[in-house]
Amino acid sequence: MIFPGCVVVSVLEAISYDTWLTITHFPCSATIRQELANNLVDVGFIYLSPNGYGLTETGEKFLNNCISRGTI
């Protein structure tokens, strides 16, 4: 996965606040949304449900470590 960390963290933060996020609401360029979503699903940070994308426990842990400046 080759995306800036700030983009990944922005997507995870948006999902953590909104609970569900559709691909059109990802806070990044439209040209990379699907690839980014697929990669985040592949690494286990988010999952796809009928309502949109949700944050997994692993994604939540990653996000908390980033915010608290812990070791990733």
C-alpha atoms as a PDB file:
ATOM      1  CA  MET A   1       0.000   0.000   0.000  1.00  0.00           C
ATOM      2  CA  ILE A   2       1.578   3.257  -1.122  1.00  0.00           C
ATOM      3  CA  PHE A   3      -0.437   6.159   0.281  1.00  0.00           C
ATOM      4  CA  PRO A   4       0.588   9.061   2.494  1.00  0.00           C
ATOM      5  CA  GLY A   5      -0.009   8.280   6.152  1.00  0.00           C
ATOM      6  CA  CYS A   6      -2.041  11.463   6.559  1.00  0.00           C
ATOM      7  CA  VAL A   7      -4.550  10.193   3.973  1.00  0.00           C
ATOM      8  CA  VAL A   8      -4.910   6.834   5.729  1.00  0.00           C
ATOM      9  CA  VAL A   9      -5.347   8.509   9.123  1.00  0.00           C
ATOM     10  CA  SER A  10      -7.870  10.977   7.657  1.00  0.00           C
ATOM     11  CA  VAL A  11      -9.996   8.144   6.274  1.00  0.00           C
ATOM     12  CA  LEU A  12      -9.851   6.208   9.549  1.00  0.00           C
ATOM     13  CA  GLU A  13     -10.739   9.336  11.539  1.00  0.00           C
ATOM     14  CA  ALA A  14     -13.679  10.092   9.261  1.00  0.00           C
ATOM     15  CA  ILE A  15     -15.003   6.550   9.684  1.00  0.00           C
ATOM     16  CA  SER A  16     -14.524   6.670  13.457  1.00  0.00           C
ATOM     17  CA  TYR A  17     -16.690   9.804  13.679  1.00  0.00           C
ATOM     18  CA  ASP A  18     -19.323   8.854  11.108  1.00  0.00           C
ATOM     19  CA  THR A  19     -19.515   5.079  11.823  1.00  0.00           C
ATOM     20  CA  TRP A  20     -20.119   4.359   8.115  1.00  0.00           C
ATOM     21  CA  LEU A  21     -18.459   5.966   5.150  1.00  0.00           C
ATOM     22  CA  THR A  22     -19.235   5.487   1.473  1.00  0.00           C
ATOM     23  CA  ILE A  23     -16.498   5.582  -1.132  1.00  0.00           C
ATOM     24  CA  THR A  24     -17.644   9.009  -2.364  1.00  0.00           C
ATOM     25  CA  HIS A  25     -17.099  10.526   1.078  1.00  0.00           C
ATOM     26  CA  PHE A  26     -13.485   9.404   1.486  1.00  0.00           C
ATOM     27  CA  PRO A  27     -11.423  12.545   2.230  1.00  0.00           C
ATOM     28  CA  CYS A  28      -9.040  12.086  -0.690  1.00  0.00           C
ATOM     29  CA  SER A  29      -8.751  12.407  -4.448  1.00  0.00           C
ATOM     30  CA  ALA A  30     -11.465  10.668  -6.454  1.00  0.00           C
ATOM     31  CA  THR A  31      -8.851   8.889  -8.568  1.00  0.00           C
ATOM     32  CA  ILE A  32      -7.448   6.897  -5.628  1.00  0.00           C
ATOM     33  CA  ARG A  33     -10.581   6.228  -3.549  1.00  0.00           C
ATOM     34  CA  GLN A  34     -11.336   2.695  -4.732  1.00  0.00           C
ATOM     35  CA  GLU A  35      -7.704   1.575  -4.617  1.00  0.00           C
ATOM     36  CA  LEU A  36      -7.274   3.083  -1.146  1.00  0.00           C
ATOM     37  CA  ALA A  37     -10.473   1.448   0.102  1.00  0.00           C
ATOM     38  CA  ASN A  38      -9.426  -1.938  -1.282  1.00  0.00           C
ATOM     39  CA  ASN A  39      -6.001  -1.655   0.330  1.00  0.00           C
ATOM     40  CA  LEU A  40      -7.428  -0.645   3.707  1.00  0.00           C
ATOM     41  CA  VAL A  41      -9.786  -3.638   3.551  1.00  0.00           C
ATOM     42  CA  ASP A  42      -6.883  -5.929   2.574  1.00  0.00           C
ATOM     43  CA  VAL A  43      -4.755  -4.870   5.578  1.00  0.00           C
ATOM     44  CA  GLY A  44      -7.741  -5.160   7.894  1.00  0.00           C
ATOM     45  CA  PHE A  45      -8.214  -1.511   8.904  1.00  0.00           C
ATOM     46  CA  ILE A  46     -11.735  -1.229   7.473  1.00  0.00           C
ATOM     47  CA  TYR A  47     -14.453  -3.573   6.255  1.00  0.00           C
ATOM     48  CA  LEU A  48     -17.227  -3.245   3.718  1.00  0.00           C
ATOM     49  CA  SER A  49     -20.831  -3.695   4.813  1.00  0.00           C
ATOM     50  CA  PRO A  50     -24.156  -2.918   3.110  1.00  0.00           C
ATOM     51  CA  ASN A  51     -24.122   0.502   4.835  1.00  0.00           C
ATOM     52  CA  GLY A  52     -20.621   1.440   3.658  1.00  0.00           C
ATOM     53  CA  TYR A  53     -17.148   1.061   5.112  1.00  0.00           C
ATOM     54  CA  GLY A  54     -16.659   0.571   8.838  1.00  0.00           C
ATOM     55  CA  LEU A  55     -13.629   0.657  11.121  1.00  0.00           C
ATOM     56  CA  THR A  56     -12.249  -2.664  12.363  1.00  0.00           C
ATOM     57  CA  GLU A  57     -10.672  -3.216  15.750  1.00  0.00           C
ATOM     58  CA  THR A  58      -7.230  -3.224  14.102  1.00  0.00           C
ATOM     59  CA  GLY A  59      -7.997   0.065  12.361  1.00  0.00           C
ATOM     60  CA  GLU A  60      -9.179   1.585  15.615  1.00  0.00           C
ATOM     61  CA  LYS A  61      -6.000   0.459  17.371  1.00  0.00           C
ATOM     62  CA  PHE A  62      -3.854   1.923  14.567  1.00  0.00           C
ATOM     63  CA  LEU A  63      -5.746   5.196  14.734  1.00  0.00           C
ATOM     64  CA  ASN A  64      -5.429   5.422  18.530  1.00  0.00           C
ATOM     65  CA  ASN A  65      -1.696   4.782  18.309  1.00  0.00           C
ATOM     66  CA  CYS A  66      -1.317   7.550  15.726  1.00  0.00           C
ATOM     67  CA  ILE A  67      -3.277  10.051  17.783  1.00  0.00           C
ATOM     68  CA  SER A  68      -1.499   9.260  21.046  1.00  0.00           C
ATOM     69  CA  ARG A  69       1.864   9.262  19.281  1.00  0.00           C
ATOM     70  CA  GLY A  70       2.466   5.680  20.324  1.00  0.00           C
ATOM     71  CA  THR A  71       4.520   3.122  18.494  1.00  0.00           C
ATOM     72  CA  ILE A  72       2.933   1.790  15.330  1.00  0.00           C
END
